[in-house]
Amino acid sequence: MFPWLVTLYLIMFYICAVRFASREGYWSPVIVFGITAFYYYLSLPLELYFRGQEVFTAYPAVFGISPEVRNAIGISAVLALLGFVAGHLLSGVGRLGAHRDFMPDRRLPNSLKYLALFSLIAIFLLYRFTLFENLGYQDANERRYNDPLFGYLTRLCLLLSCLCVGVIVQRKGLARAPAFLIAALVVAWGFYTSDKNPILQAALGLSTYWVGARSRSMKHLYIYCGAAVLAIASLPLFSAFRAHAPIDIRSAVADFSVQNTDAKGPMISLVLALEEDGPQFYGSSYLYALVGWVPRAIWPNRPNDLAQEFAFDHMPNWQPGMGLGYSLLAEAYLNFGKVGVFLQYFGIAFGLGRLWRGLYNLFARYGATPYWRASLAVTYFGILAIMHRVPSGYVVQSCVFELLVPVVAFCWLDIRPMRRYRTYNAHLVTGPHRVPRRRQFVSTHSITG
């Protein structure tokens, strides 16, 4: 039954991809979700099925995936895809990405430039003596865990840098060259800190170029799926790099297994949730997600989230920054069963879609749709790529920490001066030469000063 469920998932994904591509292109939330959900939910059970195995090792334990659990994972993955597609469709955000702008301004908004420079200068001033220490993967994790300010400033700086990449890459010709330079610096930081997330963000920033009409050809679907396969295949090489182990590409290709990639950690929580009568949440985990983003500096006794509790229970030698991840699909199942799977992913897609639809109304009104597309690719697609291995609180946390500051800064540093400029011009235009309010054209160049 499981192979048929995987086939059903792939058929549904293909039909939805083609259906939505006519108006929003193939580089869209449905494509990103379909590819990443397949990897985190179906790839490992599918590999074990073809190998004739029912167990996988997650040191120091061994976990089994029985045929019943495997089928339950397949059904849940199909329901997750259905729920996400339905929520995305009803949110109405899909048709916005392909809109062609009238005289779009592809220069960096003042808020984005100033915030990026501020975060970069703050990091160098506060951590100039320790910033370039030779940190290993575990050391870097411990620093981010024990110093939330350092973690947030680096996270903000990387986000803003990749948003700059997203805006600049939409230019024409050599004018987009700075985007590749900034992306290269972000990737270098990812290798320096042995962290995959900056590399992913840089790639998403560059992918802004294909948001909308540029990706309506079927070949883009094959390119994105092929790129995902290459990225997954390179994960063992990156793990060897950050462990300072010898890198043998030929051996890595010959011995490749999904069990050696990021899909294994969240799969543990998913298998345990499906085969054991664990505690039912009945929606309580979603209530925690609404407040779980509050820093411990403000809420010292804040309860641990599902991923932290899971790491404490299954990692006897746990240290700050370590974890196994926690499957978002497991959280859905433990809340309301299979019905909860559909409802959870419907809610995530609908909520994120309405949020980015509201942001579009804000940015497009002031000629900053390239900035909106960059936020769609870097932040929205980034959430979709990572959320499968973390609880639902990550979605809320990312929206708060990665949208609140840039949007508030845009309103203060770009919209506010523009409104003053419009008010000043309105006083200068008098008599029969006054332009009707509904037909006034807002110059997009004013957002950059």
Protein backbone atom coordinates (compact mmCIF):
# COMPACT_ATOMS: atom_id res chain seq x y z
CA MET A 1 0.00 0.00 0.00
CA PHE A 2 2.83 2.41 0.81
CA PRO A 3 4.19 2.60 -2.78
CA TRP A 4 0.70 3.50 -3.98
CA LEU A 5 0.46 6.26 -1.39
CA VAL A 6 3.81 7.65 -2.53
CA THR A 7 2.61 7.47 -6.14
CA LEU A 8 -0.61 9.25 -5.17
CA TYR A 9 1.41 11.98 -3.46
CA LEU A 10 3.60 12.47 -6.54
CA ILE A 11 0.59 12.58 -8.89
CA MET A 12 -1.17 15.11 -6.70
CA PHE A 13 1.99 17.19 -6.47
CA TYR A 14 2.45 17.18 -10.25
CA ILE A 15 -1.18 18.12 -10.94
CA CYS A 16 -1.13 20.94 -8.39
CA ALA A 17 2.22 22.22 -9.68
CA VAL A 18 0.93 22.42 -13.26
CA ARG A 19 -2.38 23.88 -12.14
CA PHE A 20 -0.81 26.73 -10.16
CA ALA A 21 2.08 27.37 -12.58
CA SER A 22 -0.18 29.09 -15.11
CA ARG A 23 -0.59 32.07 -12.79
CA GLU A 24 2.26 31.98 -10.28
CA GLY A 25 5.01 30.03 -11.98
CA TYR A 26 6.72 26.85 -10.87
CA TRP A 27 8.77 28.55 -8.16
CA SER A 28 5.92 28.87 -5.70
CA PRO A 29 4.93 27.84 -2.15
CA VAL A 30 3.23 24.69 -3.46
CA ILE A 31 6.44 23.54 -5.18
CA VAL A 32 8.63 24.29 -2.17
CA PHE A 33 6.24 22.56 0.23
CA GLY A 34 5.75 19.52 -2.02
CA ILE A 35 9.47 18.90 -2.44
CA THR A 36 10.47 19.47 1.19
CA ALA A 37 7.53 17.51 2.62
CA PHE A 38 8.38 14.55 0.39
CA TYR A 39 11.95 14.62 1.65
CA TYR A 40 11.16 14.86 5.35
CA TYR A 41 8.13 12.55 5.44
CA LEU A 42 8.43 9.98 2.65
CA SER A 43 12.05 9.65 1.52
CA LEU A 44 13.34 7.66 4.51
CA PRO A 45 10.40 5.19 4.71
CA LEU A 46 10.60 4.78 0.92
CA GLU A 47 14.31 3.96 1.06
CA LEU A 48 13.75 1.41 3.82
CA TYR A 49 10.92 -0.11 1.78
CA PHE A 50 13.12 -0.60 -1.28
CA ARG A 51 15.94 -1.96 0.88
CA GLY A 52 13.56 -4.42 2.56
CA GLN A 53 14.33 -2.97 5.99
CA GLU A 54 12.08 -1.89 8.83
CA VAL A 55 14.63 -0.32 11.18
CA PHE A 56 16.96 2.65 11.11
CA THR A 57 19.64 3.65 13.58
CA ALA A 58 19.78 6.95 15.40
CA TYR A 59 22.71 6.56 17.77
CA PRO A 60 22.49 5.12 20.36
CA ALA A 61 19.00 3.72 19.64
CA VAL A 62 17.37 1.69 16.87
CA PHE A 63 13.88 2.56 15.67
CA GLY A 64 11.54 0.41 13.64
CA ILE A 65 9.04 1.42 10.97
CA SER A 66 6.42 -1.29 10.69
CA PRO A 67 4.23 -1.57 7.58
CA GLU A 68 1.32 -0.10 9.53
CA VAL A 69 3.36 2.93 10.59
CA ARG A 70 4.75 3.32 7.08
CA ASN A 71 1.23 3.38 5.64
CA ALA A 72 0.12 5.87 8.28
CA ILE A 73 3.03 8.15 7.30
CA GLY A 74 2.01 7.89 3.64
CA ILE A 75 -1.62 8.78 4.38
CA SER A 76 -0.57 11.67 6.61
CA ALA A 77 1.78 13.04 3.92
CA VAL A 78 -1.03 12.99 1.35
CA LEU A 79 -3.37 14.77 3.78
CA ALA A 80 -0.67 17.34 4.55
CA LEU A 81 -0.24 18.12 0.85
CA LEU A 82 -4.02 18.37 0.35
CA GLY A 83 -4.37 20.67 3.35
CA PHE A 84 -1.54 22.95 2.27
CA VAL A 85 -2.78 23.24 -1.31
CA ALA A 86 -6.31 24.05 -0.14
CA GLY A 87 -5.08 26.68 2.32
CA HIS A 88 -2.78 28.23 -0.26
CA LEU A 89 -5.56 28.40 -2.83
CA LEU A 90 -8.06 30.02 -0.48
CA SER A 91 -5.51 32.54 0.83
CA GLY A 92 -5.33 34.19 -2.60
CA VAL A 93 -1.60 34.91 -2.41
CA GLY A 94 -0.66 32.81 -5.44
CA ARG A 95 -1.68 35.23 -8.17
CA LEU A 96 0.26 38.13 -6.63
CA GLY A 97 3.76 36.85 -7.34
CA ALA A 98 3.28 36.99 -11.12
CA HIS A 99 1.92 40.55 -11.23
CA ARG A 100 3.93 42.81 -13.52
CA ASP A 101 4.66 46.16 -11.95
CA PHE A 102 4.33 49.59 -13.50
CA MET A 103 7.83 51.08 -13.28
CA PRO A 104 9.01 48.80 -10.43
CA ASP A 105 11.84 50.22 -8.33
CA ARG A 106 14.58 47.62 -7.95
CA ARG A 107 16.80 49.78 -5.79
CA LEU A 108 17.25 48.86 -2.15
CA PRO A 109 14.77 50.59 0.18
CA ASN A 110 16.39 52.83 2.77
CA SER A 111 15.11 50.67 5.61
CA LEU A 112 16.78 47.56 4.19
CA LYS A 113 20.11 49.31 3.63
CA TYR A 114 20.17 50.96 7.06
CA LEU A 115 19.11 47.84 8.94
CA ALA A 116 21.67 45.66 7.18
CA LEU A 117 24.47 48.13 7.94
CA PHE A 118 23.29 48.58 11.54
CA SER A 119 23.21 44.83 12.26
CA LEU A 120 26.61 44.31 10.64
CA ILE A 121 28.22 47.18 12.57
CA ALA A 122 26.60 46.04 15.83
CA ILE A 123 28.03 42.54 15.43
CA PHE A 124 31.54 43.87 14.78
CA LEU A 125 31.39 46.35 17.68
CA LEU A 126 30.02 43.91 20.24
CA TYR A 127 31.89 40.76 19.17
CA ARG A 128 34.93 42.03 17.31
CA PHE A 129 37.36 40.15 19.56
CA THR A 130 35.63 36.77 19.38
CA LEU A 131 33.80 36.91 16.06
CA PHE A 132 36.53 35.23 14.05
CA GLU A 133 37.54 32.59 16.55
CA ASN A 134 37.87 29.15 15.01
CA LEU A 135 34.58 27.73 16.21
CA GLY A 136 33.39 24.21 15.52
CA TYR A 137 29.78 23.33 14.84
CA GLN A 138 29.02 22.54 18.48
CA ASP A 139 30.86 25.64 19.72
CA ALA A 140 28.89 27.88 17.37
CA ASN A 141 25.62 26.29 18.51
CA GLU A 142 26.53 26.80 22.15
CA ARG A 143 27.37 30.46 21.52
CA ARG A 144 24.02 31.09 19.85
CA TYR A 145 22.23 29.20 22.64
CA ASN A 146 24.01 30.92 25.53
CA ASP A 147 24.12 34.40 23.96
CA PRO A 148 20.66 35.16 22.45
CA LEU A 149 21.78 38.65 21.39
CA PHE A 150 24.59 37.22 19.26
CA GLY A 151 22.23 34.64 17.81
CA TYR A 152 19.60 37.22 16.91
CA LEU A 153 22.02 39.77 15.47
CA THR A 154 23.67 37.20 13.22
CA ARG A 155 20.27 35.85 12.22
CA LEU A 156 19.03 39.36 11.42
CA CYS A 157 22.18 40.29 9.50
CA LEU A 158 22.00 37.15 7.38
CA LEU A 159 18.29 37.67 6.72
CA LEU A 160 18.76 41.28 5.64
CA SER A 161 21.76 40.39 3.48
CA CYS A 162 19.72 37.74 1.66
CA LEU A 163 16.82 40.17 1.23
CA CYS A 164 19.30 42.53 -0.42
CA VAL A 165 20.32 39.64 -2.66
CA GLY A 166 16.68 39.04 -3.55
CA VAL A 167 16.04 42.66 -4.51
CA ILE A 168 19.28 43.14 -6.47
CA VAL A 169 19.01 39.89 -8.42
CA GLN A 170 15.78 41.18 -10.02
CA ARG A 171 17.74 43.89 -11.85
CA LYS A 172 18.98 43.57 -15.41
CA GLY A 173 22.41 42.67 -16.74
CA LEU A 174 25.51 43.52 -14.74
CA ALA A 175 23.43 45.49 -12.25
CA ARG A 176 22.63 42.19 -10.53
CA ALA A 177 26.31 41.29 -9.99
CA PRO A 178 26.38 42.57 -6.35
CA ALA A 179 23.74 39.95 -5.51
CA PHE A 180 26.18 37.14 -6.28
CA LEU A 181 28.92 38.81 -4.25
CA ILE A 182 26.69 39.19 -1.17
CA ALA A 183 25.41 35.62 -1.59
CA ALA A 184 28.99 34.34 -1.77
CA LEU A 185 29.83 36.11 1.50
CA VAL A 186 26.75 34.59 3.19
CA VAL A 187 27.72 31.12 1.93
CA ALA A 188 31.26 31.66 3.23
CA TRP A 189 29.85 32.50 6.66
CA GLY A 190 27.80 29.30 6.53
CA PHE A 191 30.91 27.23 5.86
CA TYR A 192 32.87 29.16 8.49
CA THR A 193 30.27 28.42 11.18
CA SER A 194 29.43 24.95 9.77
CA ASP A 195 25.79 26.01 9.49
CA LYS A 196 23.59 25.03 6.54
CA ASN A 197 20.94 27.70 7.11
CA PRO A 198 22.96 30.65 5.69
CA ILE A 199 23.67 28.60 2.57
CA LEU A 200 19.96 27.87 2.19
CA GLN A 201 19.08 31.54 2.71
CA ALA A 202 21.60 32.67 0.09
CA ALA A 203 20.17 30.19 -2.41
CA LEU A 204 16.64 31.37 -1.67
CA GLY A 205 17.70 34.98 -2.09
CA LEU A 206 19.07 34.24 -5.55
CA SER A 207 15.94 32.23 -6.37
CA THR A 208 13.88 35.43 -6.15
CA TYR A 209 14.77 35.90 -9.80
CA TRP A 210 12.37 33.05 -10.71
CA VAL A 211 9.41 34.15 -8.60
CA GLY A 212 6.47 34.77 -10.91
CA ALA A 213 6.32 34.78 -14.70
CA ARG A 214 9.97 33.80 -15.27
CA SER A 215 9.33 30.23 -14.08
CA ARG A 216 6.24 29.25 -16.06
CA SER A 217 8.08 26.76 -18.27
CA MET A 218 7.83 23.07 -17.33
CA LYS A 219 11.62 22.77 -17.41
CA HIS A 220 11.77 24.78 -14.18
CA LEU A 221 9.93 22.04 -12.30
CA TYR A 222 12.56 19.51 -13.36
CA ILE A 223 15.35 21.94 -12.50
CA TYR A 224 14.01 22.54 -8.98
CA CYS A 225 13.47 18.84 -8.30
CA GLY A 226 16.96 18.06 -9.61
CA ALA A 227 18.49 20.83 -7.50
CA ALA A 228 16.72 19.41 -4.44
CA VAL A 229 18.18 15.96 -5.14
CA LEU A 230 21.69 17.41 -5.48
CA ALA A 231 21.28 19.43 -2.27
CA ILE A 232 20.13 16.36 -0.33
CA ALA A 233 22.96 14.27 -1.78
CA SER A 234 25.50 16.87 -0.63
CA LEU A 235 24.31 16.82 2.99
CA PRO A 236 26.63 13.93 4.03
CA LEU A 237 29.55 15.81 2.49
CA PHE A 238 28.70 18.92 4.49
CA SER A 239 28.38 16.82 7.65
CA ALA A 240 31.84 15.38 7.00
CA PHE A 241 33.19 18.89 6.44
CA ARG A 242 31.94 20.24 9.76
CA ALA A 243 33.13 17.10 11.56
CA HIS A 244 36.61 17.66 10.03
CA ALA A 245 36.44 14.20 8.48
CA PRO A 246 37.99 13.27 5.12
CA ILE A 247 35.69 14.11 2.19
CA ASP A 248 35.44 11.36 -0.43
CA ILE A 249 32.90 12.32 -3.08
CA ARG A 250 33.00 8.95 -4.85
CA SER A 251 32.40 7.05 -1.63
CA ALA A 252 29.70 9.49 -0.55
CA VAL A 253 27.81 8.94 -3.80
CA ALA A 254 28.19 5.16 -3.70
CA ASP A 255 27.16 4.86 -0.05
CA PHE A 256 24.50 7.57 -0.02
CA SER A 257 21.54 6.98 2.25
CA VAL A 258 18.74 9.24 3.42
CA GLN A 259 19.49 7.87 6.88
CA ASN A 260 22.65 10.01 6.88
CA THR A 261 20.77 13.25 6.23
CA ASP A 262 18.56 15.65 8.17
CA ALA A 263 15.41 13.59 7.55
CA LYS A 264 16.40 11.03 10.17
CA GLY A 265 16.09 13.18 13.29
CA PRO A 266 12.45 14.32 12.85
CA MET A 267 11.48 10.85 11.65
CA ILE A 268 12.16 9.50 15.15
CA SER A 269 9.46 11.69 16.68
CA LEU A 270 7.05 10.86 13.85
CA VAL A 271 7.50 7.11 14.23
CA LEU A 272 7.09 7.26 18.00
CA ALA A 273 3.97 9.40 17.67
CA LEU A 274 2.36 6.93 15.27
CA GLU A 275 3.27 3.66 16.98
CA GLU A 276 2.87 4.63 20.62
CA ASP A 277 -0.08 5.89 22.60
CA GLY A 278 1.67 9.12 23.52
CA PRO A 279 0.06 12.08 25.28
CA GLN A 280 -2.54 13.88 23.20
CA PHE A 281 -2.18 17.65 22.98
CA TYR A 282 -5.71 18.58 21.82
CA GLY A 283 -4.47 21.90 20.48
CA SER A 284 -2.37 22.92 23.49
CA SER A 285 0.86 22.90 21.44
CA TYR A 286 -0.65 25.53 19.13
CA LEU A 287 -1.52 27.74 22.07
CA TYR A 288 2.09 27.47 23.23
CA ALA A 289 3.28 28.35 19.72
CA LEU A 290 1.54 31.72 20.01
CA VAL A 291 3.68 32.70 23.01
CA GLY A 292 6.70 30.40 22.66
CA TRP A 293 8.62 33.06 20.73
CA VAL A 294 8.97 35.25 23.85
CA PRO A 295 12.68 35.30 24.81
CA ARG A 296 13.74 33.74 28.10
CA ALA A 297 15.26 37.10 29.06
CA ILE A 298 11.65 38.32 29.36
CA TRP A 299 10.05 35.01 30.38
CA PRO A 300 12.71 33.10 32.40
CA ASN A 301 10.38 30.21 33.26
CA ARG A 302 9.08 29.73 29.74
CA PRO A 303 8.29 26.02 29.20
CA ASN A 304 10.36 24.06 26.72
CA ASP A 305 8.91 23.40 23.30
CA LEU A 306 8.32 19.93 21.86
CA ALA A 307 11.75 19.73 20.20
CA GLN A 308 13.58 20.63 23.41
CA GLU A 309 11.60 18.16 25.52
CA PHE A 310 12.16 15.46 22.91
CA ALA A 311 15.92 16.11 22.93
CA PHE A 312 16.05 15.96 26.74
CA ASP A 313 14.23 12.61 26.73
CA HIS A 314 16.21 10.92 23.94
CA MET A 315 19.71 12.42 24.17
CA PRO A 316 21.39 11.33 27.44
CA ASN A 317 24.46 13.52 26.81
CA TRP A 318 22.50 16.57 25.73
CA GLN A 319 24.39 19.88 25.53
CA PRO A 320 23.15 23.37 24.61
CA GLY A 321 22.45 23.62 20.91
CA MET A 322 22.05 19.86 20.37
CA GLY A 323 18.80 18.33 19.20
CA LEU A 324 17.11 15.74 17.03
CA GLY A 325 14.44 17.98 15.63
CA TYR A 326 10.73 17.33 15.94
CA SER A 327 8.45 16.44 13.06
CA LEU A 328 5.70 18.95 12.38
CA LEU A 329 3.65 16.03 11.08
CA ALA A 330 3.97 14.29 14.46
CA GLU A 331 2.65 17.39 16.22
CA ALA A 332 -0.39 17.45 13.92
CA TYR A 333 -1.13 13.78 14.58
CA LEU A 334 -0.79 14.13 18.36
CA ASN A 335 -3.20 17.06 18.41
CA PHE A 336 -6.20 15.78 16.44
CA GLY A 337 -5.14 12.64 14.60
CA LYS A 338 -5.36 12.37 10.82
CA VAL A 339 -8.01 15.10 10.68
CA GLY A 340 -5.56 17.32 12.52
CA VAL A 341 -2.98 16.75 9.79
CA PHE A 342 -5.21 18.31 7.14
CA LEU A 343 -6.31 21.13 9.45
CA GLN A 344 -2.79 22.00 10.59
CA TYR A 345 -1.32 22.34 7.11
CA PHE A 346 -4.42 24.10 5.85
CA GLY A 347 -4.08 26.62 8.68
CA ILE A 348 -0.37 27.16 8.06
CA ALA A 349 -0.83 27.72 4.32
CA PHE A 350 -3.87 29.95 4.76
CA GLY A 351 -2.29 31.98 7.56
CA LEU A 352 1.03 32.52 5.80
CA GLY A 353 -0.75 33.25 2.52
CA ARG A 354 -2.98 35.90 4.08
CA LEU A 355 0.00 37.41 5.87
CA TRP A 356 2.01 37.78 2.66
CA ARG A 357 -1.08 39.02 0.87
CA GLY A 358 -1.34 41.80 3.44
CA LEU A 359 2.35 42.56 3.02
CA TYR A 360 1.85 42.79 -0.73
CA ASN A 361 -0.83 45.44 -0.27
CA LEU A 362 1.63 47.40 1.88
CA PHE A 363 4.72 47.07 -0.31
CA ALA A 364 3.02 47.35 -3.70
CA ARG A 365 1.27 50.57 -2.71
CA TYR A 366 4.67 52.21 -2.44
CA GLY A 367 6.32 50.59 -5.45
CA ALA A 368 8.35 48.04 -3.48
CA THR A 369 7.11 44.78 -5.01
CA PRO A 370 10.71 43.58 -5.66
CA TYR A 371 11.22 43.82 -1.89
CA TRP A 372 8.01 41.84 -1.37
CA ARG A 373 9.17 39.11 -3.77
CA ALA A 374 12.48 38.91 -1.91
CA SER A 375 10.66 38.45 1.40
CA LEU A 376 8.47 35.78 -0.20
CA ALA A 377 11.48 33.79 -1.42
CA VAL A 378 13.77 34.26 1.58
CA THR A 379 11.35 34.23 4.51
CA TYR A 380 8.22 32.39 3.34
CA PHE A 381 10.05 29.73 1.34
CA GLY A 382 12.62 29.47 4.12
CA ILE A 383 9.85 28.69 6.62
CA LEU A 384 8.44 26.02 4.29
CA ALA A 385 11.86 24.41 3.86
CA ILE A 386 12.65 24.15 7.58
CA MET A 387 9.29 23.80 9.33
CA HIS A 388 9.02 20.04 8.70
CA ARG A 389 11.75 19.34 11.27
CA VAL A 390 10.55 21.73 14.00
CA PRO A 391 7.30 22.27 15.94
CA SER A 392 4.67 24.78 14.84
CA GLY A 393 6.14 27.42 17.16
CA TYR A 394 8.92 27.90 14.61
CA VAL A 395 6.44 29.30 12.09
CA VAL A 396 5.19 31.93 14.54
CA GLN A 397 8.70 32.71 15.77
CA SER A 398 10.01 33.21 12.24
CA CYS A 399 7.15 35.55 11.36
CA VAL A 400 7.81 37.62 14.48
CA PHE A 401 11.59 37.79 14.34
CA GLU A 402 12.05 37.94 10.55
CA LEU A 403 9.14 40.18 9.57
CA LEU A 404 8.42 42.53 12.45
CA VAL A 405 11.67 44.53 12.37
CA PRO A 406 11.96 44.84 8.55
CA VAL A 407 8.29 45.80 8.13
CA VAL A 408 8.31 48.36 10.96
CA ALA A 409 11.52 49.85 9.58
CA PHE A 410 9.99 50.02 6.10
CA CYS A 411 6.97 51.88 7.46
CA TRP A 412 9.14 54.32 9.43
CA LEU A 413 12.05 54.95 7.06
CA ASP A 414 10.36 54.60 3.66
CA ILE A 415 6.60 55.11 3.88
CA ARG A 416 6.67 57.95 6.39
CA PRO A 417 9.03 60.20 4.33
CA MET A 418 7.03 59.36 1.21
CA ARG A 419 3.79 60.46 2.80
CA ARG A 420 5.39 63.73 3.86
CA TYR A 421 6.58 64.22 0.29
CA ARG A 422 3.09 63.59 -1.07
CA THR A 423 1.53 65.97 1.45
CA TYR A 424 4.04 68.67 0.56
CA ASN A 425 3.37 68.27 -3.16
CA ALA A 426 -0.38 68.33 -2.59
CA HIS A 427 -0.05 71.83 -1.10
CA LEU A 428 1.90 73.00 -4.16
CA VAL A 429 -0.71 71.78 -6.65
CA THR A 430 -3.66 74.18 -6.64
CA GLY A 431 -6.52 75.30 -8.85
CA PRO A 432 -7.42 73.50 -12.09
CA HIS A 433 -3.99 71.86 -12.21
CA ARG A 434 -4.66 69.80 -9.08
CA VAL A 435 -4.41 66.07 -9.76
CA PRO A 436 -7.46 64.03 -8.61
CA ARG A 437 -6.59 61.98 -5.58
CA ARG A 438 -7.52 58.66 -7.16
CA ARG A 439 -5.22 59.27 -10.12
CA GLN A 440 -2.16 60.52 -8.32
CA PHE A 441 0.95 58.55 -9.25
CA VAL A 442 3.27 57.67 -6.40
CA SER A 443 6.88 57.80 -7.51
CA THR A 444 8.60 54.57 -6.61
CA HIS A 445 11.95 56.35 -6.48
CA SER A 446 10.98 58.09 -3.27
CA ILE A 447 11.39 54.94 -1.18
CA THR A 448 15.13 55.09 -1.62
CA GLY A 449 15.63 58.74 -0.85
